[in-house]
PDB file of all heavy atoms in Angstrom:
ATOM      1  N   VAL A   1       6.051  -5.402  -5.582  1.00  0.00           N
ATOM      2  CA  VAL A   1       5.209  -4.231  -5.342  1.00  0.00           C
ATOM      3  C   VAL A   1       3.803  -4.728  -5.035  1.00  0.00           C
ATOM      4  O   VAL A   1       3.248  -5.520  -5.799  1.00  0.00           O
ATOM      5  CB  VAL A   1       5.157  -3.295  -6.571  1.00  0.00           C
ATOM      6  CG1 VAL A   1       4.272  -2.087  -6.279  1.00  0.00           C
ATOM      7  CG2 VAL A   1       6.551  -2.854  -6.969  1.00  0.00           C
ATOM      8  N   TYR A   2       3.235  -4.279  -3.926  1.00  0.00           N
ATOM      9  CA  TYR A   2       1.882  -4.704  -3.588  1.00  0.00           C
ATOM     10  C   TYR A   2       1.146  -3.578  -2.874  1.00  0.00           C
ATOM     11  O   TYR A   2       1.758  -2.644  -2.343  1.00  0.00           O
ATOM     12  CB  TYR A   2       1.883  -5.979  -2.742  1.00  0.00           C
ATOM     13  CG  TYR A   2       2.678  -5.914  -1.457  1.00  0.00           C
ATOM     14  CD1 TYR A   2       2.096  -5.455  -0.269  1.00  0.00           C
ATOM     15  CD2 TYR A   2       4.013  -6.322  -1.419  1.00  0.00           C
ATOM     16  CE1 TYR A   2       2.820  -5.415   0.912  1.00  0.00           C
ATOM     17  CE2 TYR A   2       4.745  -6.274  -0.245  1.00  0.00           C
ATOM     18  CZ  TYR A   2       4.141  -5.825   0.919  1.00  0.00           C
ATOM     19  OH  TYR A   2       4.867  -5.776   2.092  1.00  0.00           O
ATOM     20  N   VAL A   3      -0.180  -3.676  -2.889  1.00  0.00           N
ATOM     21  CA  VAL A   3      -1.036  -2.676  -2.255  1.00  0.00           C
ATOM     22  C   VAL A   3      -1.942  -3.367  -1.244  1.00  0.00           C
ATOM     23  O   VAL A   3      -2.593  -4.366  -1.577  1.00  0.00           O
ATOM     24  CB  VAL A   3      -1.893  -1.927  -3.296  1.00  0.00           C
ATOM     25  CG1 VAL A   3      -2.807  -0.913  -2.611  1.00  0.00           C
ATOM     26  CG2 VAL A   3      -1.003  -1.233  -4.321  1.00  0.00           C
ATOM     27  N   ILE A   4      -1.972  -2.836  -0.022  1.00  0.00           N
ATOM     28  CA  ILE A   4      -2.833  -3.364   1.036  1.00  0.00           C
ATOM     29  C   ILE A   4      -3.997  -2.403   1.219  1.00  0.00           C
ATOM     30  O   ILE A   4      -3.796  -1.197   1.381  1.00  0.00           O
ATOM     31  CB  ILE A   4      -2.071  -3.499   2.375  1.00  0.00           C
ATOM     32  CG1 ILE A   4      -0.812  -4.351   2.192  1.00  0.00           C
ATOM     33  CG2 ILE A   4      -2.992  -4.083   3.441  1.00  0.00           C
ATOM     34  CD1 ILE A   4      -1.064  -5.781   1.857  1.00  0.00           C
ATOM     35  N   SER A   5      -5.211  -2.928   1.184  1.00  0.00           N
ATOM     36  CA  SER A   5      -6.384  -2.069   1.336  1.00  0.00           C
ATOM     37  C   SER A   5      -6.651  -1.772   2.809  1.00  0.00           C
ATOM     38  O   SER A   5      -6.092  -2.412   3.707  1.00  0.00           O
ATOM     39  CB  SER A   5      -7.615  -2.721   0.712  1.00  0.00           C
ATOM     40  OG  SER A   5      -7.945  -3.902   1.419  1.00  0.00           O
ATOM     41  N   SER A   6      -7.519  -0.820   3.055  1.00  0.00           N
ATOM     42  CA  SER A   6      -7.879  -0.466   4.430  1.00  0.00           C
ATOM     43  C   SER A   6      -8.580  -1.629   5.110  1.00  0.00           C
ATOM     44  O   SER A   6      -9.364  -2.344   4.489  1.00  0.00           O
ATOM     45  CB  SER A   6      -8.775   0.774   4.433  1.00  0.00           C
ATOM     46  OG  SER A   6      -9.935   0.556   3.660  1.00  0.00           O
ATOM     47  N   TYR A   7      -8.251  -1.823   6.368  1.00  0.00           N
ATOM     48  CA  TYR A   7      -8.846  -2.836   7.236  1.00  0.00           C
ATOM     49  C   TYR A   7      -8.594  -4.273   6.788  1.00  0.00           C
ATOM     50  O   TYR A   7      -9.330  -5.180   7.173  1.00  0.00           O
ATOM     51  CB  TYR A   7     -10.352  -2.586   7.409  1.00  0.00           C
ATOM     52  CG  TYR A   7     -10.644  -1.299   8.141  1.00  0.00           C
ATOM     53  CD1 TYR A   7     -11.188  -0.204   7.478  1.00  0.00           C
ATOM     54  CD2 TYR A   7     -10.320  -1.147   9.489  1.00  0.00           C
ATOM     55  CE1 TYR A   7     -11.426   0.995   8.141  1.00  0.00           C
ATOM     56  CE2 TYR A   7     -10.549   0.039  10.164  1.00  0.00           C
ATOM     57  CZ  TYR A   7     -11.099   1.111   9.479  1.00  0.00           C
ATOM     58  OH  TYR A   7     -11.318   2.297  10.140  1.00  0.00           O
ATOM     59  N   ALA A   8      -7.555  -4.491   5.991  1.00  0.00           N
ATOM     60  CA  ALA A   8      -7.151  -5.855   5.643  1.00  0.00           C
ATOM     61  C   ALA A   8      -6.063  -6.293   6.622  1.00  0.00           C
ATOM     62  O   ALA A   8      -4.974  -5.698   6.636  1.00  0.00           O
ATOM     63  CB  ALA A   8      -6.636  -5.918   4.216  1.00  0.00           C
ATOM     64  N   PRO A   9      -6.309  -7.295   7.458  1.00  0.00           N
ATOM     65  CA  PRO A   9      -5.285  -7.748   8.403  1.00  0.00           C
ATOM     66  C   PRO A   9      -4.066  -8.263   7.640  1.00  0.00           C
ATOM     67  O   PRO A   9      -4.200  -9.064   6.717  1.00  0.00           O
ATOM     68  CB  PRO A   9      -5.976  -8.893   9.162  1.00  0.00           C
ATOM     69  CG  PRO A   9      -7.442  -8.685   8.931  1.00  0.00           C
ATOM     70  CD  PRO A   9      -7.555  -8.072   7.573  1.00  0.00           C
ATOM     71  N   HIS A  10      -2.884  -7.801   8.026  1.00  0.00           N
ATOM     72  CA  HIS A  10      -1.684  -8.218   7.301  1.00  0.00           C
ATOM     73  C   HIS A  10      -0.447  -8.097   8.170  1.00  0.00           C
ATOM     74  O   HIS A  10      -0.441  -7.367   9.167  1.00  0.00           O
ATOM     75  CB  HIS A  10      -1.500  -7.380   6.034  1.00  0.00           C
ATOM     76  CG  HIS A  10      -1.326  -5.908   6.316  1.00  0.00           C
ATOM     77  ND1 HIS A  10      -2.370  -5.073   6.626  1.00  0.00           N
ATOM     78  CD2 HIS A  10      -0.213  -5.129   6.332  1.00  0.00           C
ATOM     79  CE1 HIS A  10      -1.927  -3.854   6.817  1.00  0.00           C
ATOM     80  NE2 HIS A  10      -0.606  -3.864   6.650  1.00  0.00           N
ATOM     81  N   PHE A  11       0.602  -8.796   7.753  1.00  0.00           N
ATOM     82  CA  PHE A  11       1.893  -8.708   8.432  1.00  0.00           C
ATOM     83  C   PHE A  11       2.939  -9.405   7.582  1.00  0.00           C
ATOM     84  O   PHE A  11       2.620 -10.121   6.620  1.00  0.00           O
ATOM     85  CB  PHE A  11       1.833  -9.315   9.841  1.00  0.00           C
ATOM     86  CG  PHE A  11       1.603 -10.807   9.868  1.00  0.00           C
ATOM     87  CD1 PHE A  11       2.652 -11.686  10.074  1.00  0.00           C
ATOM     88  CD2 PHE A  11       0.322 -11.324   9.704  1.00  0.00           C
ATOM     89  CE1 PHE A  11       2.443 -13.057  10.115  1.00  0.00           C
ATOM     90  CE2 PHE A  11       0.095 -12.691   9.746  1.00  0.00           C
ATOM     91  CZ  PHE A  11       1.163 -13.567   9.944  1.00  0.00           C
ATOM     92  N   LEU A  12       4.203  -9.209   7.933  1.00  0.00           N
ATOM     93  CA  LEU A  12       5.321  -9.878   7.274  1.00  0.00           C
ATOM     94  C   LEU A  12       5.962 -10.842   8.261  1.00  0.00           C
ATOM     95  O   LEU A  12       6.181 -10.505   9.428  1.00  0.00           O
ATOM     96  CB  LEU A  12       6.365  -8.859   6.801  1.00  0.00           C
ATOM     97  CG  LEU A  12       5.974  -7.943   5.642  1.00  0.00           C
ATOM     98  CD1 LEU A  12       7.029  -6.854   5.466  1.00  0.00           C
ATOM     99  CD2 LEU A  12       5.808  -8.732   4.350  1.00  0.00           C
ATOM    100  N   GLU A  13       6.270 -12.038   7.778  1.00  0.00           N
ATOM    101  CA  GLU A  13       6.960 -13.015   8.617  1.00  0.00           C
ATOM    102  C   GLU A  13       8.122 -13.607   7.823  1.00  0.00           C
ATOM    103  O   GLU A  13       8.264 -13.365   6.624  1.00  0.00           O
ATOM    104  CB  GLU A  13       6.001 -14.106   9.084  1.00  0.00           C
ATOM    105  CG  GLU A  13       5.398 -14.937   7.979  1.00  0.00           C
ATOM    106  CD  GLU A  13       4.465 -16.009   8.507  1.00  0.00           C
ATOM    107  OE1 GLU A  13       4.291 -16.096   9.735  1.00  0.00           O
ATOM    108  OE2 GLU A  13       3.902 -16.774   7.690  1.00  0.00           O
ATOM    109  N   HIS A  14       8.946 -14.391   8.516  1.00  0.00           N
ATOM    110  CA  HIS A  14      10.136 -14.993   7.892  1.00  0.00           C
ATOM    111  C   HIS A  14      10.965 -13.920   7.183  1.00  0.00           C
ATOM    112  O   HIS A  14      11.415 -14.106   6.042  1.00  0.00           O
ATOM    113  CB  HIS A  14       9.733 -16.092   6.901  1.00  0.00           C
ATOM    114  CG  HIS A  14       8.810 -17.122   7.465  1.00  0.00           C
ATOM    115  ND1 HIS A  14       9.068 -17.790   8.640  1.00  0.00           N
ATOM    116  CD2 HIS A  14       7.605 -17.579   7.028  1.00  0.00           C
ATOM    117  CE1 HIS A  14       8.078 -18.623   8.905  1.00  0.00           C
ATOM    118  NE2 HIS A  14       7.170 -18.516   7.948  1.00  0.00           N
ATOM    119  N   THR A  15      11.157 -12.806   7.855  1.00  0.00           N
ATOM    120  CA  THR A  15      11.884 -11.689   7.254  1.00  0.00           C
ATOM    121  C   THR A  15      13.384 -11.999   7.162  1.00  0.00           C
ATOM    122  O   THR A  15      13.969 -12.578   8.075  1.00  0.00           O
ATOM    123  CB  THR A  15      11.689 -10.409   8.082  1.00  0.00           C
ATOM    124  OG1 THR A  15      12.086 -10.659   9.443  1.00  0.00           O
ATOM    125  CG2 THR A  15      10.221  -9.987   8.070  1.00  0.00           C
ATOM    126  N   ASP A  16      13.957 -11.630   6.043  1.00  0.00           N
ATOM    127  CA  ASP A  16      15.382 -11.845   5.811  1.00  0.00           C
ATOM    128  C   ASP A  16      15.992 -10.552   5.290  1.00  0.00           C
ATOM    129  O   ASP A  16      16.037 -10.313   4.082  1.00  0.00           O
ATOM    130  CB  ASP A  16      15.584 -12.996   4.820  1.00  0.00           C
ATOM    131  CG  ASP A  16      17.061 -13.299   4.568  1.00  0.00           C
ATOM    132  OD1 ASP A  16      17.916 -12.792   5.324  1.00  0.00           O
ATOM    133  OD2 ASP A  16      17.351 -14.042   3.606  1.00  0.00           O
ATOM    134  N   ASN A  17      16.428  -9.701   6.220  1.00  0.00           N
ATOM    135  CA  ASN A  17      17.080  -8.437   5.866  1.00  0.00           C
ATOM    136  C   ASN A  17      16.262  -7.652   4.844  1.00  0.00           C
ATOM    137  O   ASN A  17      16.788  -7.115   3.874  1.00  0.00           O
ATOM    138  CB  ASN A  17      18.480  -8.708   5.300  1.00  0.00           C
ATOM    139  CG  ASN A  17      19.335  -7.455   5.244  1.00  0.00           C
ATOM    140  OD1 ASN A  17      19.230  -6.582   6.099  1.00  0.00           O
ATOM    141  ND2 ASN A  17      20.189  -7.359   4.232  1.00  0.00           N
ATOM    142  N   ILE A  18      14.952  -7.566   5.075  1.00  0.00           N
ATOM    143  CA  ILE A  18      14.076  -6.934   4.095  1.00  0.00           C
ATOM    144  C   ILE A  18      14.000  -5.429   4.315  1.00  0.00           C
ATOM    145  O   ILE A  18      13.844  -4.952   5.442  1.00  0.00           O
ATOM    146  CB  ILE A  18      12.656  -7.557   4.137  1.00  0.00           C
ATOM    147  CG1 ILE A  18      11.789  -6.994   2.998  1.00  0.00           C
ATOM    148  CG2 ILE A  18      11.988  -7.363   5.496  1.00  0.00           C
ATOM    149  CD1 ILE A  18      10.483  -7.723   2.809  1.00  0.00           C
ATOM    150  N   GLU A  19      14.156  -4.690   3.225  1.00  0.00           N
ATOM    151  CA  GLU A  19      14.001  -3.239   3.239  1.00  0.00           C
ATOM    152  C   GLU A  19      12.801  -2.876   2.376  1.00  0.00           C
ATOM    153  O   GLU A  19      12.650  -3.401   1.269  1.00  0.00           O
ATOM    154  CB  GLU A  19      15.264  -2.552   2.702  1.00  0.00           C
ATOM    155  CG  GLU A  19      16.473  -2.720   3.597  1.00  0.00           C
ATOM    156  CD  GLU A  19      17.677  -1.940   3.091  1.00  0.00           C
ATOM    157  OE1 GLU A  19      17.551  -1.246   2.053  1.00  0.00           O
ATOM    158  OE2 GLU A  19      18.741  -2.018   3.726  1.00  0.00           O
ATOM    159  N   VAL A  20      11.956  -2.003   2.898  1.00  0.00           N
ATOM    160  CA  VAL A  20      10.736  -1.650   2.180  1.00  0.00           C
ATOM    161  C   VAL A  20      10.526  -0.140   2.143  1.00  0.00           C
ATOM    162  O   VAL A  20      11.025   0.590   3.000  1.00  0.00           O
ATOM    163  CB  VAL A  20       9.484  -2.309   2.818  1.00  0.00           C
ATOM    164  CG1 VAL A  20       9.581  -3.820   2.787  1.00  0.00           C
ATOM    165  CG2 VAL A  20       9.276  -1.809   4.250  1.00  0.00           C
ATOM    166  N   ILE A  21       9.793   0.276   1.127  1.00  0.00           N
ATOM    167  CA  ILE A  21       9.278   1.639   1.053  1.00  0.00           C
ATOM    168  C   ILE A  21       7.776   1.537   1.213  1.00  0.00           C
ATOM    169  O   ILE A  21       7.116   0.806   0.469  1.00  0.00           O
ATOM    170  CB  ILE A  21       9.604   2.294  -0.307  1.00  0.00           C
ATOM    171  CG1 ILE A  21      11.113   2.411  -0.498  1.00  0.00           C
ATOM    172  CG2 ILE A  21       8.933   3.662  -0.423  1.00  0.00           C
ATOM    173  CD1 ILE A  21      11.505   2.804  -1.911  1.00  0.00           C
ATOM    174  N   ASN A  22       7.235   2.225   2.192  1.00  0.00           N
ATOM    175  CA  ASN A  22       5.787   2.261   2.404  1.00  0.00           C
ATOM    176  C   ASN A  22       5.274   3.671   2.117  1.00  0.00           C
ATOM    177  O   ASN A  22       5.815   4.649   2.646  1.00  0.00           O
ATOM    178  CB  ASN A  22       5.421   1.883   3.842  1.00  0.00           C
ATOM    179  CG  ASN A  22       5.607   0.401   4.112  1.00  0.00           C
ATOM    180  OD1 ASN A  22       5.415  -0.426   3.224  1.00  0.00           O
ATOM    181  ND2 ASN A  22       5.992   0.055   5.327  1.00  0.00           N
ATOM    182  N   ILE A  23       4.248   3.740   1.293  1.00  0.00           N
ATOM    183  CA  ILE A  23       3.590   5.016   1.016  1.00  0.00           C
ATOM    184  C   ILE A  23       2.118   4.845   1.380  1.00  0.00           C
ATOM    185  O   ILE A  23       1.443   3.958   0.855  1.00  0.00           O
ATOM    186  CB  ILE A  23       3.737   5.429  -0.457  1.00  0.00           C
ATOM    187  CG1 ILE A  23       5.224   5.522  -0.827  1.00  0.00           C
ATOM    188  CG2 ILE A  23       3.033   6.760  -0.712  1.00  0.00           C
ATOM    189  CD1 ILE A  23       5.477   5.920  -2.266  1.00  0.00           C
ATOM    190  N   LEU A  24       1.646   5.684   2.289  1.00  0.00           N
ATOM    191  CA  LEU A  24       0.288   5.556   2.818  1.00  0.00           C
ATOM    192  C   LEU A  24      -0.590   6.657   2.250  1.00  0.00           C
ATOM    193  O   LEU A  24      -0.188   7.816   2.178  1.00  0.00           O
ATOM    194  CB  LEU A  24       0.319   5.632   4.342  1.00  0.00           C
ATOM    195  CG  LEU A  24       1.386   4.752   5.032  1.00  0.00           C
ATOM    196  CD1 LEU A  24       1.322   4.919   6.540  1.00  0.00           C
ATOM    197  CD2 LEU A  24       1.240   3.288   4.629  1.00  0.00           C
ATOM    198  N   PHE A  25      -1.818   6.283   1.860  1.00  0.00           N
ATOM    199  CA  PHE A  25      -2.697   7.248   1.206  1.00  0.00           C
ATOM    200  C   PHE A  25      -4.142   6.787   1.294  1.00  0.00           C
ATOM    201  O   PHE A  25      -4.431   5.617   1.587  1.00  0.00           O
ATOM    202  CB  PHE A  25      -2.303   7.405  -0.272  1.00  0.00           C
ATOM    203  CG  PHE A  25      -2.427   6.128  -1.061  1.00  0.00           C
ATOM    204  CD1 PHE A  25      -3.574   5.850  -1.792  1.00  0.00           C
ATOM    205  CD2 PHE A  25      -1.390   5.199  -1.065  1.00  0.00           C
ATOM    206  CE1 PHE A  25      -3.696   4.665  -2.503  1.00  0.00           C
ATOM    207  CE2 PHE A  25      -1.505   4.022  -1.785  1.00  0.00           C
ATOM    208  CZ  PHE A  25      -2.662   3.754  -2.509  1.00  0.00           C
ATOM    209  N   SER A  26      -5.036   7.713   1.028  1.00  0.00           N
ATOM    210  CA  SER A  26      -6.460   7.397   0.920  1.00  0.00           C
ATOM    211  C   SER A  26      -6.769   7.078  -0.535  1.00  0.00           C
ATOM    212  O   SER A  26      -6.422   7.849  -1.427  1.00  0.00           O
ATOM    213  CB  SER A  26      -7.303   8.587   1.397  1.00  0.00           C
ATOM    214  OG  SER A  26      -8.624   8.502   0.891  1.00  0.00           O
ATOM    215  N   LEU A  27      -7.420   5.934  -0.778  1.00  0.00           N
ATOM    216  CA  LEU A  27      -7.767   5.577  -2.149  1.00  0.00           C
ATOM    217  C   LEU A  27      -8.707   6.616  -2.750  1.00  0.00           C
ATOM    218  O   LEU A  27      -8.610   6.944  -3.938  1.00  0.00           O
ATOM    219  CB  LEU A  27      -8.418   4.196  -2.197  1.00  0.00           C
ATOM    220  CG  LEU A  27      -8.810   3.689  -3.590  1.00  0.00           C
ATOM    221  CD1 LEU A  27      -7.587   3.581  -4.491  1.00  0.00           C
ATOM    222  CD2 LEU A  27      -9.538   2.352  -3.490  1.00  0.00           C
ATOM    223  N   GLU A  28      -9.597   7.154  -1.935  1.00  0.00           N
ATOM    224  CA  GLU A  28     -10.523   8.184  -2.419  1.00  0.00           C
ATOM    225  C   GLU A  28      -9.764   9.392  -2.943  1.00  0.00           C
ATOM    226  O   GLU A  28     -10.099   9.955  -3.989  1.00  0.00           O
ATOM    227  CB  GLU A  28     -11.475   8.603  -1.301  1.00  0.00           C
ATOM    228  CG  GLU A  28     -12.485   9.661  -1.708  1.00  0.00           C
ATOM    229  CD  GLU A  28     -13.418  10.060  -0.579  1.00  0.00           C
ATOM    230  OE1 GLU A  28     -13.309   9.480   0.525  1.00  0.00           O
ATOM    231  OE2 GLU A  28     -14.245  10.952  -0.796  1.00  0.00           O
ATOM    232  N   ASP A  29      -8.710   9.808  -2.222  1.00  0.00           N
ATOM    233  CA  ASP A  29      -7.900  10.939  -2.674  1.00  0.00           C
ATOM    234  C   ASP A  29      -7.160  10.599  -3.963  1.00  0.00           C
ATOM    235  O   ASP A  29      -7.069  11.428  -4.879  1.00  0.00           O
ATOM    236  CB  ASP A  29      -6.892  11.339  -1.595  1.00  0.00           C
ATOM    237  CG  ASP A  29      -7.547  11.996  -0.396  1.00  0.00           C
ATOM    238  OD1 ASP A  29      -8.702  12.450  -0.534  1.00  0.00           O
ATOM    239  OD2 ASP A  29      -6.920  12.040   0.677  1.00  0.00           O
ATOM    240  N   LEU A  30      -6.623   9.386  -4.049  1.00  0.00           N
ATOM    241  CA  LEU A  30      -5.910   8.983  -5.257  1.00  0.00           C
ATOM    242  C   LEU A  30      -6.837   8.997  -6.465  1.00  0.00           C
ATOM    243  O   LEU A  30      -6.451   9.447  -7.549  1.00  0.00           O
ATOM    244  CB  LEU A  30      -5.314   7.584  -5.081  1.00  0.00           C
ATOM    245  CG  LEU A  30      -4.634   6.981  -6.322  1.00  0.00           C
ATOM    246  CD1 LEU A  30      -3.477   7.860  -6.786  1.00  0.00           C
ATOM    247  CD2 LEU A  30      -4.147   5.564  -6.024  1.00  0.00           C
ATOM    248  N   MET A  31      -8.070   8.534  -6.287  1.00  0.00           N
ATOM    249  CA  MET A  31      -9.009   8.479  -7.402  1.00  0.00           C
ATOM    250  C   MET A  31      -9.353   9.878  -7.923  1.00  0.00           C
ATOM    251  O   MET A  31      -9.651  10.058  -9.099  1.00  0.00           O
ATOM    252  CB  MET A  31     -10.277   7.742  -6.992  1.00  0.00           C
ATOM    253  CG  MET A  31     -10.053   6.278  -6.631  1.00  0.00           C
ATOM    254  SD  MET A  31      -9.368   5.292  -7.980  1.00  0.00           S
ATOM    255  CE  MET A  31     -10.846   5.022  -8.957  1.00  0.00           C
ATOM    256  N   LYS A  32      -9.282  10.881  -7.058  1.00  0.00           N
ATOM    257  CA  LYS A  32      -9.579  12.253  -7.475  1.00  0.00           C
ATOM    258  C   LYS A  32      -8.533  12.774  -8.454  1.00  0.00           C
ATOM    259  O   LYS A  32      -8.832  13.630  -9.296  1.00  0.00           O
ATOM    260  CB  LYS A  32      -9.623  13.182  -6.255  1.00  0.00           C
ATOM    261  CG  LYS A  32     -10.801  12.950  -5.322  1.00  0.00           C
ATOM    262  CD  LYS A  32     -10.708  13.886  -4.133  1.00  0.00           C
ATOM    263  CE  LYS A  32     -11.828  13.636  -3.134  1.00  0.00           C
ATOM    264  NZ  LYS A  32     -11.701  14.497  -1.931  1.00  0.00           N
ATOM    265  N   TYR A  33      -7.304  12.280  -8.333  1.00  0.00           N
ATOM    266  CA  TYR A  33      -6.210  12.822  -9.131  1.00  0.00           C
ATOM    267  C   TYR A  33      -5.734  11.873 -10.237  1.00  0.00           C
ATOM    268  O   TYR A  33      -4.939  12.283 -11.086  1.00  0.00           O
ATOM    269  CB  TYR A  33      -5.018  13.156  -8.232  1.00  0.00           C
ATOM    270  CG  TYR A  33      -5.277  14.317  -7.300  1.00  0.00           C
ATOM    271  CD1 TYR A  33      -5.752  14.098  -6.007  1.00  0.00           C
ATOM    272  CD2 TYR A  33      -5.064  15.633  -7.712  1.00  0.00           C
ATOM    273  CE1 TYR A  33      -6.010  15.168  -5.150  1.00  0.00           C
ATOM    274  CE2 TYR A  33      -5.313  16.695  -6.862  1.00  0.00           C
ATOM    275  CZ  TYR A  33      -5.791  16.455  -5.586  1.00  0.00           C
ATOM    276  OH  TYR A  33      -6.045  17.512  -4.735  1.00  0.00           O
ATOM    277  N   SER A  34      -6.193  10.632 -10.223  1.00  0.00           N
ATOM    278  CA  SER A  34      -5.687   9.674 -11.214  1.00  0.00           C
ATOM    279  C   SER A  34      -6.341   9.838 -12.580  1.00  0.00           C
ATOM    280  O   SER A  34      -5.769   9.440 -13.593  1.00  0.00           O
ATOM    281  CB  SER A  34      -5.870   8.238 -10.707  1.00  0.00           C
ATOM    282  OG  SER A  34      -7.205   8.003 -10.317  1.00  0.00           O
ATOM    283  N   LEU A  35      -7.543  10.396 -12.649  1.00  0.00           N
ATOM    284  CA  LEU A  35      -8.212  10.776 -13.886  1.00  0.00           C
ATOM    285  C   LEU A  35      -8.096   9.694 -14.967  1.00  0.00           C
ATOM    286  O   LEU A  35      -8.572   8.586 -14.786  1.00  0.00           O
ATOM    287  CB  LEU A  35      -7.653  12.123 -14.364  1.00  0.00           C
ATOM    288  CG  LEU A  35      -7.767  13.278 -13.342  1.00  0.00           C
ATOM    289  CD1 LEU A  35      -7.070  14.520 -13.863  1.00  0.00           C
ATOM    290  CD2 LEU A  35      -9.215  13.553 -13.018  1.00  0.00           C
ATOM    291  N   SER A  36      -7.466  10.012 -16.113  1.00  0.00           N
ATOM    292  CA  SER A  36      -7.411   9.061 -17.227  1.00  0.00           C
ATOM    293  C   SER A  36      -6.648   7.793 -16.869  1.00  0.00           C
ATOM    294  O   SER A  36      -6.817   6.742 -17.519  1.00  0.00           O
ATOM    295  CB  SER A  36      -6.764   9.713 -18.457  1.00  0.00           C
ATOM    296  OG  SER A  36      -5.418  10.060 -18.198  1.00  0.00           O
ATOM    297  N   LEU A  37      -5.809   7.864 -15.844  1.00  0.00           N
ATOM    298  CA  LEU A  37      -5.040   6.689 -15.443  1.00  0.00           C
ATOM    299  C   LEU A  37      -5.960   5.550 -14.998  1.00  0.00           C
ATOM    300  O   LEU A  37      -5.589   4.372 -15.065  1.00  0.00           O
ATOM    301  CB  LEU A  37      -4.078   7.059 -14.309  1.00  0.00           C
ATOM    302  CG  LEU A  37      -2.989   6.040 -13.938  1.00  0.00           C
ATOM    303  CD1 LEU A  37      -2.132   5.715 -15.148  1.00  0.00           C
ATOM    304  CD2 LEU A  37      -2.149   6.581 -12.802  1.00  0.00           C
TER     305      LEU A  37
END
């Protein structure tokens, strides 16, 4: 499990039958709802 920040250049290489779940969001929006978390 990993998190990529905005404007961080990234990619996956040497892929071997990899399946992923990607969830895209604004960190600012997440911070509004994460409260005590």
